[in-house]
Structures are given as structure tokens and as C-alpha cells.
């Protein structure tokens, strides 16, 4: 299961895990952490929208984020 960080405000953490690939996109688990509260939900996202988010840098692979810090 791949994990992606979501670009967001500094006072929160958001990430997406790809749970399953479906016919027209992906089933994802979105987790948001803000002010000590964690909220998790499952959603579907179309392949074109997911690819656009990657291309624009709105989401990025967690491994890439760790490599930038090191």
C-alpha cells in the first residue's frame, strides 16, 4: 500500500494511502491530524484527478518526502 503526503497548512498533517486500485481510479484512505484529533475516511478518487494531484505536487510519495529531509 503506497502512502502519499498531502500538501497542507503547517498546523495539520494529512496523508493518503492507496487501499485498492478500482476500474476507474483508486480507493484511498485519507487521514487528517489536527489539534490532536485524528480523522480517517475512505473515498474513491478518479485516476485523472489522482494523476493531476501528483503532477501539480498537491500530493507526493512519502518516500520522496523522507529523501528531501535527509
C-alpha atoms as a PDB file:
ATOM      1  CA  UNK A   1       0.000   0.000   0.000  1.00  0.00           C
ATOM      2  CA  UNK A   2       1.590   3.281  -1.105  1.00  0.00           C
ATOM      3  CA  UNK A   3       1.381   6.304   1.118  1.00  0.00           C
ATOM      4  CA  UNK A   4       1.318   9.921  -0.079  1.00  0.00           C
ATOM      5  CA  UNK A   5       1.652  13.147   1.887  1.00  0.00           C
ATOM      6  CA  UNK A   6      -0.850  15.906   1.188  1.00  0.00           C
ATOM      7  CA  UNK A   7       0.481  19.454   0.924  1.00  0.00           C
ATOM      8  CA  UNK A   8      -1.434  21.441   3.553  1.00  0.00           C
ATOM      9  CA  UNK A   9      -1.089  24.045   6.291  1.00  0.00           C
ATOM     10  CA  UNK A  10       1.741  23.654   8.804  1.00  0.00           C
ATOM     11  CA  UNK A  11      -0.616  23.074  11.748  1.00  0.00           C
ATOM     12  CA  UNK A  12      -2.012  19.823  10.343  1.00  0.00           C
ATOM     13  CA  UNK A  13      -0.826  16.561   8.831  1.00  0.00           C
ATOM     14  CA  UNK A  14      -2.705  14.807   6.047  1.00  0.00           C
ATOM     15  CA  UNK A  15      -1.816  11.703   4.112  1.00  0.00           C
ATOM     16  CA  UNK A  16      -3.406   9.300   1.648  1.00  0.00           C
ATOM     17  CA  UNK A  17      -2.938   5.551   1.469  1.00  0.00           C
ATOM     18  CA  UNK A  18      -3.958   3.760  -1.723  1.00  0.00           C
ATOM     19  CA  UNK A  19      -6.031   0.822  -0.460  1.00  0.00           C
ATOM     20  CA  UNK A  20      -7.032  -0.684  -3.795  1.00  0.00           C
ATOM     21  CA  UNK A  21      -6.998   0.072  -7.484  1.00  0.00           C
ATOM     22  CA  UNK A  22     -10.503   0.035  -8.942  1.00  0.00           C
ATOM     23  CA  UNK A  23     -11.795   0.171 -12.510  1.00  0.00           C
ATOM     24  CA  UNK A  24     -11.851   3.960 -12.888  1.00  0.00           C
ATOM     25  CA  UNK A  25      -9.395   5.050 -10.196  1.00  0.00           C
ATOM     26  CA  UNK A  26      -8.416   4.241  -6.640  1.00  0.00           C
ATOM     27  CA  UNK A  27      -9.944   3.503  -3.265  1.00  0.00           C
ATOM     28  CA  UNK A  28      -7.986   5.657  -0.812  1.00  0.00           C
ATOM     29  CA  UNK A  29      -7.840   6.124   2.940  1.00  0.00           C
ATOM     30  CA  UNK A  30      -7.415   9.784   3.877  1.00  0.00           C
ATOM     31  CA  UNK A  31      -6.107  10.561   7.370  1.00  0.00           C
ATOM     32  CA  UNK A  32      -6.117  14.071   8.835  1.00  0.00           C
ATOM     33  CA  UNK A  33      -4.447  15.029  12.112  1.00  0.00           C
ATOM     34  CA  UNK A  34      -5.204  18.453  13.557  1.00  0.00           C
ATOM     35  CA  UNK A  35      -5.029  19.701  17.155  1.00  0.00           C
ATOM     36  CA  UNK A  36      -4.560  16.165  18.481  1.00  0.00           C
ATOM     37  CA  UNK A  37      -7.611  14.790  16.670  1.00  0.00           C
ATOM     38  CA  UNK A  38      -7.190  12.109  14.026  1.00  0.00           C
ATOM     39  CA  UNK A  39      -9.920  11.593  11.434  1.00  0.00           C
ATOM     40  CA  UNK A  40      -9.795   8.791   8.863  1.00  0.00           C
ATOM     41  CA  UNK A  41     -12.148   8.242   5.940  1.00  0.00           C
ATOM     42  CA  UNK A  42     -12.234   6.107   2.827  1.00  0.00           C
ATOM     43  CA  UNK A  43     -13.043   7.668  -0.522  1.00  0.00           C
ATOM     44  CA  UNK A  44     -12.691   6.947  -4.209  1.00  0.00           C
ATOM     45  CA  UNK A  45     -10.678   9.184  -6.495  1.00  0.00           C
ATOM     46  CA  UNK A  46     -10.567   9.057 -10.270  1.00  0.00           C
ATOM     47  CA  UNK A  47      -7.277   8.207 -11.936  1.00  0.00           C
ATOM     48  CA  UNK A  48      -7.097  11.556 -13.829  1.00  0.00           C
ATOM     49  CA  UNK A  49      -7.625  13.544 -10.609  1.00  0.00           C
ATOM     50  CA  UNK A  50      -5.056  11.459  -8.718  1.00  0.00           C
ATOM     51  CA  UNK A  51      -2.518  11.916 -11.536  1.00  0.00           C
ATOM     52  CA  UNK A  52      -3.188  15.667 -11.602  1.00  0.00           C
ATOM     53  CA  UNK A  53      -2.597  15.923  -7.841  1.00  0.00           C
ATOM     54  CA  UNK A  54       0.738  14.121  -8.270  1.00  0.00           C
ATOM     55  CA  UNK A  55       1.756  16.247 -11.250  1.00  0.00           C
ATOM     56  CA  UNK A  56       0.999  19.547  -9.501  1.00  0.00           C
ATOM     57  CA  UNK A  57       2.675  18.481  -6.248  1.00  0.00           C
ATOM     58  CA  UNK A  58      -0.516  18.606  -4.169  1.00  0.00           C
ATOM     59  CA  UNK A  59       0.320  15.046  -3.105  1.00  0.00           C
ATOM     60  CA  UNK A  60       3.728  13.381  -3.148  1.00  0.00           C
ATOM     61  CA  UNK A  61       5.059   9.952  -2.250  1.00  0.00           C
ATOM     62  CA  UNK A  62       6.099   9.639   1.361  1.00  0.00           C
ATOM     63  CA  UNK A  63       9.462   8.105   0.383  1.00  0.00           C
ATOM     64  CA  UNK A  64      10.220  11.248  -1.650  1.00  0.00           C
ATOM     65  CA  UNK A  65       9.381  13.413   1.361  1.00  0.00           C
ATOM     66  CA  UNK A  66      11.792  11.441   3.561  1.00  0.00           C
ATOM     67  CA  UNK A  67      14.575  11.719   0.968  1.00  0.00           C
ATOM     68  CA  UNK A  68      14.236  15.516   0.918  1.00  0.00           C
ATOM     69  CA  UNK A  69      14.677  15.716   4.696  1.00  0.00           C
ATOM     70  CA  UNK A  70      17.798  13.527   4.771  1.00  0.00           C
END
